[in-house]
Amino acid sequence: MLARSAQLRDREAMNPLMLHQTCDLGPIMAVTASITPTQAGSDAQFRLEGRADAIVLPQPASPERTDNLWKTTCFEIFWQPIGGTAYREFNLSPSGRWAAYDFDSFREGMRDAPVSAVSISTARDRSGLTLNASIAAELPDPAQVALNAIVEHEGGSLQFWALAFGPGKPEFHSEACRQMIIERD
């Protein structure tokens, strides 16, 4: 029982994301994220530390599937079965909108992914912004997972944050970003 409790606590721990080396520093000084598998899918949390009042946030909107959320401040999860080439991408907007896509392989065969429900809530405080998401969708297990953030500054420039990056430009679809292994007990 003690080992199981420690595993759950470790899964729920916030993981630091790294800023891509080509990005300028800005009002957000750190990003952390966590993900916990659930019977229905997964729960995730992203935390921006810094001056959230100095970044671009989309206006609150009805919680519905929407494309192109990554063009402004947005959080992403990539979920790929271990040993497979197919993967699923979730885009989670502070507006409450979301998107989910399935791919057959690296950026190939993109289509809307089946999702039962997505619930997003955000909270701002003096030290930053927190986004919580609950996703009800069938997800493979075990899986390698990426947690990413795109942060838009007031001048329109973007910061890219991830658990890890492959060489070159920031590419969230790269398997190099999927540094977390998720297994349900």
C-alpha atoms as a PDB file:
ATOM      1  CA  MET A   1       0.000   0.000   0.000  1.00  0.00           C
ATOM      2  CA  LEU A   2       2.819   2.422   0.837  1.00  0.00           C
ATOM      3  CA  ALA A   3       4.530   1.795  -2.537  1.00  0.00           C
ATOM      4  CA  ARG A   4       1.259   2.409  -4.388  1.00  0.00           C
ATOM      5  CA  SER A   5       0.687   5.707  -2.528  1.00  0.00           C
ATOM      6  CA  ALA A   6       4.223   6.831  -3.384  1.00  0.00           C
ATOM      7  CA  GLN A   7       3.625   5.980  -7.073  1.00  0.00           C
ATOM      8  CA  LEU A   8       0.428   8.024  -7.125  1.00  0.00           C
ATOM      9  CA  ARG A   9       2.125  10.973  -5.419  1.00  0.00           C
ATOM     10  CA  ASP A  10       5.036  10.821  -7.903  1.00  0.00           C
ATOM     11  CA  ARG A  11       2.607  10.789 -10.856  1.00  0.00           C
ATOM     12  CA  GLU A  12       0.838  13.839  -9.535  1.00  0.00           C
ATOM     13  CA  ALA A  13       4.066  15.794  -8.896  1.00  0.00           C
ATOM     14  CA  MET A  14       4.582  18.866 -11.003  1.00  0.00           C
ATOM     15  CA  ASN A  15       7.269  18.401 -13.640  1.00  0.00           C
ATOM     16  CA  PRO A  16       9.349  21.369 -14.798  1.00  0.00           C
ATOM     17  CA  LEU A  17       9.124  22.207 -18.488  1.00  0.00           C
ATOM     18  CA  MET A  18      12.100  23.717 -20.298  1.00  0.00           C
ATOM     19  CA  LEU A  19      12.022  26.811 -22.464  1.00  0.00           C
ATOM     20  CA  HIS A  20      13.240  26.172 -26.007  1.00  0.00           C
ATOM     21  CA  GLN A  21      16.681  27.674 -26.558  1.00  0.00           C
ATOM     22  CA  THR A  22      15.498  29.887 -29.435  1.00  0.00           C
ATOM     23  CA  CYS A  23      12.840  31.629 -27.318  1.00  0.00           C
ATOM     24  CA  ASP A  24      13.305  34.976 -25.648  1.00  0.00           C
ATOM     25  CA  LEU A  25      12.802  35.292 -21.924  1.00  0.00           C
ATOM     26  CA  GLY A  26       9.585  36.991 -20.986  1.00  0.00           C
ATOM     27  CA  PRO A  27       7.164  37.576 -18.145  1.00  0.00           C
ATOM     28  CA  ILE A  28       6.732  33.819 -17.512  1.00  0.00           C
ATOM     29  CA  MET A  29       9.756  32.522 -15.623  1.00  0.00           C
ATOM     30  CA  ALA A  30       8.789  28.851 -15.182  1.00  0.00           C
ATOM     31  CA  VAL A  31       6.204  26.331 -16.357  1.00  0.00           C
ATOM     32  CA  THR A  32       5.348  23.099 -14.563  1.00  0.00           C
ATOM     33  CA  ALA A  33       2.875  20.381 -15.457  1.00  0.00           C
ATOM     34  CA  SER A  34       1.452  17.102 -14.202  1.00  0.00           C
ATOM     35  CA  ILE A  35      -0.761  14.383 -15.583  1.00  0.00           C
ATOM     36  CA  THR A  36      -2.637  11.600 -13.821  1.00  0.00           C
ATOM     37  CA  PRO A  37      -4.341   8.728 -15.628  1.00  0.00           C
ATOM     38  CA  THR A  38      -7.945   8.152 -14.570  1.00  0.00           C
ATOM     39  CA  GLN A  39     -10.469   5.426 -15.345  1.00  0.00           C
ATOM     40  CA  ALA A  40     -12.144   7.793 -17.833  1.00  0.00           C
ATOM     41  CA  GLY A  41      -8.933   9.206 -19.380  1.00  0.00           C
ATOM     42  CA  SER A  42      -6.639  11.651 -17.616  1.00  0.00           C
ATOM     43  CA  ASP A  43      -6.416  14.770 -15.476  1.00  0.00           C
ATOM     44  CA  ALA A  44      -3.731  17.360 -16.144  1.00  0.00           C
ATOM     45  CA  GLN A  45      -2.500  20.550 -14.546  1.00  0.00           C
ATOM     46  CA  PHE A  46      -0.269  23.255 -16.015  1.00  0.00           C
ATOM     47  CA  ARG A  47       1.171  26.133 -13.988  1.00  0.00           C
ATOM     48  CA  LEU A  48       2.724  29.332 -15.393  1.00  0.00           C
ATOM     49  CA  GLU A  49       4.896  31.186 -12.866  1.00  0.00           C
ATOM     50  CA  GLY A  50       5.438  34.887 -13.438  1.00  0.00           C
ATOM     51  CA  ARG A  51       3.476  37.863 -14.672  1.00  0.00           C
ATOM     52  CA  ALA A  52       0.416  36.265 -16.244  1.00  0.00           C
ATOM     53  CA  ASP A  53      -1.044  39.755 -16.678  1.00  0.00           C
ATOM     54  CA  ALA A  54       1.676  40.419 -19.298  1.00  0.00           C
ATOM     55  CA  ILE A  55       0.814  37.519 -21.626  1.00  0.00           C
ATOM     56  CA  VAL A  56      -1.936  37.087 -24.184  1.00  0.00           C
ATOM     57  CA  LEU A  57      -4.804  34.912 -22.993  1.00  0.00           C
ATOM     58  CA  PRO A  58      -7.760  34.052 -25.212  1.00  0.00           C
ATOM     59  CA  GLN A  59     -11.133  35.342 -24.039  1.00  0.00           C
ATOM     60  CA  PRO A  60     -13.343  32.869 -22.145  1.00  0.00           C
ATOM     61  CA  ALA A  61     -15.535  30.977 -24.588  1.00  0.00           C
ATOM     62  CA  SER A  62     -17.981  28.105 -24.707  1.00  0.00           C
ATOM     63  CA  PRO A  63     -16.202  24.799 -24.038  1.00  0.00           C
ATOM     64  CA  GLU A  64     -16.185  23.258 -27.496  1.00  0.00           C
ATOM     65  CA  ARG A  65     -13.818  21.609 -29.960  1.00  0.00           C
ATOM     66  CA  THR A  66     -11.918  24.330 -31.856  1.00  0.00           C
ATOM     67  CA  ASP A  67      -8.957  24.233 -34.264  1.00  0.00           C
ATOM     68  CA  ASN A  68      -5.821  26.418 -34.233  1.00  0.00           C
ATOM     69  CA  LEU A  69      -5.716  26.944 -30.471  1.00  0.00           C
ATOM     70  CA  TRP A  70      -1.890  26.697 -30.585  1.00  0.00           C
ATOM     71  CA  LYS A  71      -1.648  30.103 -32.289  1.00  0.00           C
ATOM     72  CA  THR A  72      -1.831  31.784 -28.860  1.00  0.00           C
ATOM     73  CA  THR A  73      -1.360  30.711 -25.232  1.00  0.00           C
ATOM     74  CA  CYS A  74      -2.290  27.033 -25.108  1.00  0.00           C
ATOM     75  CA  PHE A  75      -1.310  23.805 -23.339  1.00  0.00           C
ATOM     76  CA  GLU A  76      -0.762  20.474 -25.072  1.00  0.00           C
ATOM     77  CA  ILE A  77      -0.586  16.788 -24.255  1.00  0.00           C
ATOM     78  CA  PHE A  78       0.732  14.173 -26.667  1.00  0.00           C
ATOM     79  CA  TRP A  79      -0.120  10.552 -25.827  1.00  0.00           C
ATOM     80  CA  GLN A  80       1.502   7.645 -27.707  1.00  0.00           C
ATOM     81  CA  PRO A  81       1.342   3.919 -26.933  1.00  0.00           C
ATOM     82  CA  ILE A  82       4.795   2.555 -26.168  1.00  0.00           C
ATOM     83  CA  GLY A  83       6.164   0.842 -29.270  1.00  0.00           C
ATOM     84  CA  GLY A  84       3.575   2.427 -31.568  1.00  0.00           C
ATOM     85  CA  THR A  85       3.803   5.143 -34.188  1.00  0.00           C
ATOM     86  CA  ALA A  86       0.253   6.502 -33.822  1.00  0.00           C
ATOM     87  CA  TYR A  87      -0.391   9.206 -31.244  1.00  0.00           C
ATOM     88  CA  ARG A  88      -3.047  11.576 -29.949  1.00  0.00           C
ATOM     89  CA  GLU A  89      -2.683  15.328 -29.443  1.00  0.00           C
ATOM     90  CA  PHE A  90      -4.795  17.408 -27.055  1.00  0.00           C
ATOM     91  CA  ASN A  91      -4.837  21.232 -27.215  1.00  0.00           C
ATOM     92  CA  LEU A  92      -6.215  22.894 -24.074  1.00  0.00           C
ATOM     93  CA  SER A  93      -6.946  26.604 -24.143  1.00  0.00           C
ATOM     94  CA  PRO A  94      -7.362  28.888 -21.126  1.00  0.00           C
ATOM     95  CA  SER A  95     -10.522  30.057 -22.963  1.00  0.00           C
ATOM     96  CA  GLY A  96     -12.150  26.692 -22.152  1.00  0.00           C
ATOM     97  CA  ARG A  97     -11.959  25.486 -25.739  1.00  0.00           C
ATOM     98  CA  TRP A  98     -10.097  22.321 -26.709  1.00  0.00           C
ATOM     99  CA  ALA A  99      -9.058  20.141 -29.623  1.00  0.00           C
ATOM    100  CA  ALA A 100      -8.046  16.494 -29.975  1.00  0.00           C
ATOM    101  CA  TYR A 101      -6.398  14.884 -32.988  1.00  0.00           C
ATOM    102  CA  ASP A 102      -5.212  11.404 -33.866  1.00  0.00           C
ATOM    103  CA  PHE A 103      -2.153  10.854 -36.093  1.00  0.00           C
ATOM    104  CA  ASP A 104      -0.991   7.617 -37.741  1.00  0.00           C
ATOM    105  CA  SER A 105       2.664   8.677 -37.490  1.00  0.00           C
ATOM    106  CA  PHE A 106       4.721  11.905 -37.340  1.00  0.00           C
ATOM    107  CA  ARG A 107       2.281  14.583 -38.606  1.00  0.00           C
ATOM    108  CA  GLU A 108       0.613  12.008 -40.917  1.00  0.00           C
ATOM    109  CA  GLY A 109      -3.052  10.976 -41.061  1.00  0.00           C
ATOM    110  CA  MET A 110      -4.426  13.810 -38.904  1.00  0.00           C
ATOM    111  CA  ARG A 111      -8.104  13.535 -37.980  1.00  0.00           C
ATOM    112  CA  ASP A 112     -10.365  14.519 -35.078  1.00  0.00           C
ATOM    113  CA  ALA A 113      -9.920  12.127 -32.164  1.00  0.00           C
ATOM    114  CA  PRO A 114     -12.946  10.645 -30.402  1.00  0.00           C
ATOM    115  CA  VAL A 115     -13.366  12.332 -27.015  1.00  0.00           C
ATOM    116  CA  SER A 116     -16.288  11.934 -24.621  1.00  0.00           C
ATOM    117  CA  ALA A 117     -15.701  15.158 -22.686  1.00  0.00           C
ATOM    118  CA  VAL A 118     -13.106  17.796 -21.831  1.00  0.00           C
ATOM    119  CA  SER A 119     -13.427  20.102 -18.841  1.00  0.00           C
ATOM    120  CA  ILE A 120     -11.029  23.049 -18.420  1.00  0.00           C
ATOM    121  CA  SER A 121     -10.744  25.557 -15.594  1.00  0.00           C
ATOM    122  CA  THR A 122      -8.198  28.317 -15.099  1.00  0.00           C
ATOM    123  CA  ALA A 123      -7.239  30.454 -12.130  1.00  0.00           C
ATOM    124  CA  ARG A 124      -5.000  33.506 -12.038  1.00  0.00           C
ATOM    125  CA  ASP A 125      -3.225  34.753  -8.958  1.00  0.00           C
ATOM    126  CA  ARG A 126      -0.413  37.183  -8.159  1.00  0.00           C
ATOM    127  CA  SER A 127       2.276  34.663  -9.051  1.00  0.00           C
ATOM    128  CA  GLY A 128       0.866  33.169 -12.247  1.00  0.00           C
ATOM    129  CA  LEU A 129      -1.842  31.098 -13.867  1.00  0.00           C
ATOM    130  CA  THR A 130      -3.029  27.500 -13.382  1.00  0.00           C
ATOM    131  CA  LEU A 131      -4.994  25.457 -15.913  1.00  0.00           C
ATOM    132  CA  ASN A 132      -6.689  22.217 -14.833  1.00  0.00           C
ATOM    133  CA  ALA A 133      -8.123  19.829 -17.399  1.00  0.00           C
ATOM    134  CA  SER A 134     -10.064  16.609 -17.136  1.00  0.00           C
ATOM    135  CA  ILE A 135     -10.209  14.545 -20.311  1.00  0.00           C
ATOM    136  CA  ALA A 136     -12.637  11.669 -20.864  1.00  0.00           C
ATOM    137  CA  ALA A 137     -11.236   9.649 -23.771  1.00  0.00           C
ATOM    138  CA  GLU A 138      -9.930   6.175 -24.403  1.00  0.00           C
ATOM    139  CA  LEU A 139      -6.143   6.333 -23.988  1.00  0.00           C
ATOM    140  CA  PRO A 140      -3.637   3.507 -24.556  1.00  0.00           C
ATOM    141  CA  ASP A 141      -1.679   2.106 -21.641  1.00  0.00           C
ATOM    142  CA  PRO A 142       1.282   2.076 -21.173  1.00  0.00           C
ATOM    143  CA  ALA A 143       2.119   5.274 -23.023  1.00  0.00           C
ATOM    144  CA  GLN A 144       4.810   7.850 -23.490  1.00  0.00           C
ATOM    145  CA  VAL A 145       3.483  11.346 -22.898  1.00  0.00           C
ATOM    146  CA  ALA A 146       4.545  14.911 -23.668  1.00  0.00           C
ATOM    147  CA  LEU A 147       3.402  17.961 -21.706  1.00  0.00           C
ATOM    148  CA  ASN A 148       3.879  21.266 -23.541  1.00  0.00           C
ATOM    149  CA  ALA A 149       2.978  24.927 -23.299  1.00  0.00           C
ATOM    150  CA  ILE A 150       2.840  27.765 -25.791  1.00  0.00           C
ATOM    151  CA  VAL A 151       2.881  31.217 -24.202  1.00  0.00           C
ATOM    152  CA  GLU A 152       2.160  34.328 -26.282  1.00  0.00           C
ATOM    153  CA  HIS A 153       3.704  37.607 -25.140  1.00  0.00           C
ATOM    154  CA  GLU A 154       2.014  40.954 -25.559  1.00  0.00           C
ATOM    155  CA  GLY A 155       4.095  41.740 -28.682  1.00  0.00           C
ATOM    156  CA  GLY A 156       2.962  38.548 -30.426  1.00  0.00           C
ATOM    157  CA  SER A 157       6.126  36.502 -29.870  1.00  0.00           C
ATOM    158  CA  LEU A 158       5.701  32.919 -28.659  1.00  0.00           C
ATOM    159  CA  GLN A 159       7.541  30.879 -26.058  1.00  0.00           C
ATOM    160  CA  PHE A 160       7.654  27.085 -26.389  1.00  0.00           C
ATOM    161  CA  TRP A 161       7.968  24.954 -23.233  1.00  0.00           C
ATOM    162  CA  ALA A 162       8.282  21.134 -23.063  1.00  0.00           C
ATOM    163  CA  LEU A 163       9.615  18.296 -20.932  1.00  0.00           C
ATOM    164  CA  ALA A 164      12.363  17.971 -23.573  1.00  0.00           C
ATOM    165  CA  PHE A 165      13.083  19.019 -27.146  1.00  0.00           C
ATOM    166  CA  GLY A 166      14.814  17.299 -30.031  1.00  0.00           C
ATOM    167  CA  PRO A 167      17.497  19.186 -31.949  1.00  0.00           C
ATOM    168  CA  GLY A 168      16.497  22.129 -34.146  1.00  0.00           C
ATOM    169  CA  LYS A 169      13.366  24.216 -34.027  1.00  0.00           C
ATOM    170  CA  PRO A 170      10.679  23.544 -31.405  1.00  0.00           C
ATOM    171  CA  GLU A 171       8.653  20.567 -32.665  1.00  0.00           C
ATOM    172  CA  PHE A 172       6.054  19.277 -30.208  1.00  0.00           C
ATOM    173  CA  HIS A 173       5.131  16.372 -32.530  1.00  0.00           C
ATOM    174  CA  SER A 174       8.631  14.945 -32.110  1.00  0.00           C
ATOM    175  CA  GLU A 175       8.834  11.761 -30.066  1.00  0.00           C
ATOM    176  CA  ALA A 176      11.790  13.423 -28.276  1.00  0.00           C
ATOM    177  CA  CYS A 177       9.254  15.533 -26.356  1.00  0.00           C
ATOM    178  CA  ARG A 178       7.460  12.457 -24.951  1.00  0.00           C
ATOM    179  CA  GLN A 179       9.618  11.970 -21.881  1.00  0.00           C
ATOM    180  CA  MET A 180       7.011  10.724 -19.413  1.00  0.00           C
ATOM    181  CA  ILE A 181       5.879   7.105 -19.149  1.00  0.00           C
ATOM    182  CA  ILE A 182       2.304   6.557 -17.967  1.00  0.00           C
ATOM    183  CA  GLU A 183       1.012   3.208 -16.706  1.00  0.00           C
ATOM    184  CA  ARG A 184      -2.251   2.575 -14.927  1.00  0.00           C
ATOM    185  CA  ASP A 185      -2.021   0.268 -11.915  1.00  0.00           C
END
